[in-house]
Amino acid sequence: KSLTVSIFILLIVTTQAYPNEPFLQIYEYGQMLYKNPRGIGCHKCHGEHAKGMTIAKYRHKSKQKEIKTRDIRHISYENFIYVFKKSPPSIMPQYRLTEAELQTLH
């Protein structure tokens, strides 16, 4: 209980000392969205550092196959938006993110 009170007091002091600073920095907000935008986070398929990863391996007609996600660290904003708004159906969840959330994630 005392830890909760201490955190609350620190929060009040911090917001009073820096009234023009946002509670979360844009980078922190982007990290939160990456971990959990709407239920399942981007990190589950694209990895902790957005480098992409193998999400499934299987055999098809006696050949080993993989489903891999791509590295999303350096894609253009236009390609990034395309995935969320205009892309054809894919394995990726279709999130309903606001324009501000999309800009923060990119």
Protein backbone atom coordinates (compact mmCIF):
# COMPACT_ATOMS: atom_id res chain seq x y z
CA LYS A 1 0.00 0.00 0.00
CA SER A 2 2.80 2.42 0.84
CA LEU A 3 4.42 1.76 -2.55
CA THR A 4 1.17 2.72 -4.28
CA VAL A 5 0.96 5.93 -2.25
CA SER A 6 4.61 6.72 -3.04
CA ILE A 7 4.05 6.22 -6.77
CA PHE A 8 0.93 8.40 -6.63
CA ILE A 9 2.84 11.18 -4.84
CA LEU A 10 5.70 10.92 -7.35
CA LEU A 11 3.21 11.17 -10.19
CA ILE A 12 1.64 14.32 -8.74
CA VAL A 13 5.00 15.93 -8.05
CA THR A 14 6.25 15.10 -11.55
CA THR A 15 3.15 16.45 -13.30
CA GLN A 16 3.28 19.63 -11.19
CA ALA A 17 7.01 20.16 -11.81
CA TYR A 18 6.66 19.64 -15.58
CA PRO A 19 3.13 20.78 -16.47
CA ASN A 20 3.85 21.18 -20.20
CA GLU A 21 5.41 17.74 -20.60
CA PRO A 22 3.16 14.85 -21.68
CA PHE A 23 2.80 12.03 -19.16
CA LEU A 24 4.11 9.57 -21.76
CA GLN A 25 6.72 10.47 -24.31
CA ILE A 26 5.83 9.61 -27.92
CA TYR A 27 8.46 6.83 -27.96
CA GLU A 28 6.98 5.24 -24.82
CA TYR A 29 3.50 5.41 -26.29
CA GLY A 30 4.76 3.78 -29.50
CA GLN A 31 6.31 0.97 -27.46
CA MET A 32 3.01 0.43 -25.66
CA LEU A 33 1.12 0.29 -28.95
CA TYR A 34 3.68 -2.14 -30.41
CA LYS A 35 3.18 -4.48 -27.45
CA ASN A 36 -0.61 -4.27 -27.38
CA PRO A 37 -2.43 -2.17 -29.99
CA ARG A 38 -5.77 -4.00 -29.77
CA GLY A 39 -5.42 -7.32 -28.03
CA ILE A 40 -2.38 -8.98 -29.61
CA GLY A 41 0.86 -7.10 -29.97
CA CYS A 42 2.98 -6.64 -33.08
CA HIS A 43 5.90 -8.19 -31.17
CA LYS A 44 4.21 -11.60 -31.18
CA CYS A 45 4.91 -11.96 -34.92
CA HIS A 46 7.52 -9.31 -35.77
CA GLY A 47 9.68 -9.89 -32.68
CA GLU A 48 10.75 -7.73 -29.76
CA HIS A 49 12.86 -5.51 -32.02
CA ALA A 50 10.62 -5.59 -35.14
CA LYS A 51 13.23 -7.52 -37.16
CA GLY A 52 10.73 -10.16 -38.27
CA MET A 53 10.77 -13.84 -37.39
CA THR A 54 9.58 -17.31 -38.35
CA ILE A 55 6.09 -17.83 -36.96
CA ALA A 56 5.38 -21.31 -38.35
CA LYS A 57 7.12 -24.24 -40.05
CA TYR A 58 5.30 -26.99 -41.91
CA ARG A 59 5.69 -29.61 -44.64
CA HIS A 60 3.81 -29.38 -47.91
CA LYS A 61 4.24 -31.95 -50.68
CA SER A 62 7.37 -33.29 -48.99
CA LYS A 63 8.98 -29.84 -48.80
CA GLN A 64 9.77 -27.92 -45.65
CA LYS A 65 8.08 -24.49 -45.67
CA GLU A 66 8.06 -21.50 -43.34
CA ILE A 67 5.80 -18.56 -42.70
CA LYS A 68 7.99 -15.57 -41.89
CA THR A 69 7.18 -12.01 -41.00
CA ARG A 70 9.17 -9.18 -42.43
CA ASP A 71 11.49 -6.69 -40.83
CA ILE A 72 9.34 -3.60 -40.25
CA ARG A 73 11.98 -1.28 -38.81
CA HIS A 74 12.70 0.67 -41.98
CA ILE A 75 9.57 0.61 -44.12
CA SER A 76 8.18 3.83 -45.55
CA TYR A 77 5.15 5.42 -43.96
CA GLU A 78 3.19 4.82 -47.18
CA ASN A 79 3.89 1.05 -47.06
CA PHE A 80 3.18 1.00 -43.35
CA ILE A 81 -0.22 2.64 -43.87
CA TYR A 82 -1.00 0.35 -46.83
CA VAL A 83 -0.80 -2.68 -44.56
CA PHE A 84 -3.31 -1.20 -42.12
CA LYS A 85 -5.75 0.43 -44.50
CA LYS A 86 -5.63 -0.98 -48.04
CA SER A 87 -3.82 -4.28 -48.07
CA PRO A 88 -5.55 -7.40 -49.31
CA PRO A 89 -6.59 -9.93 -46.66
CA SER A 90 -3.60 -11.57 -45.07
CA ILE A 91 -2.52 -13.43 -41.99
CA MET A 92 -1.91 -10.13 -40.22
CA PRO A 93 -4.73 -8.96 -37.94
CA GLN A 94 -6.63 -5.95 -39.23
CA TYR A 95 -6.32 -3.45 -36.41
CA ARG A 96 -8.51 -0.39 -36.22
CA LEU A 97 -5.92 2.17 -35.25
CA THR A 98 -6.37 5.91 -35.33
CA GLU A 99 -4.20 8.10 -37.57
CA ALA A 100 -2.37 9.37 -34.48
CA GLU A 101 -1.67 5.78 -33.34
CA LEU A 102 -0.37 4.84 -36.80
CA GLN A 103 1.95 7.86 -36.84
CA THR A 104 3.19 6.97 -33.36
CA LEU A 105 3.91 3.37 -34.34
CA HIS A 106 5.80 4.35 -37.46
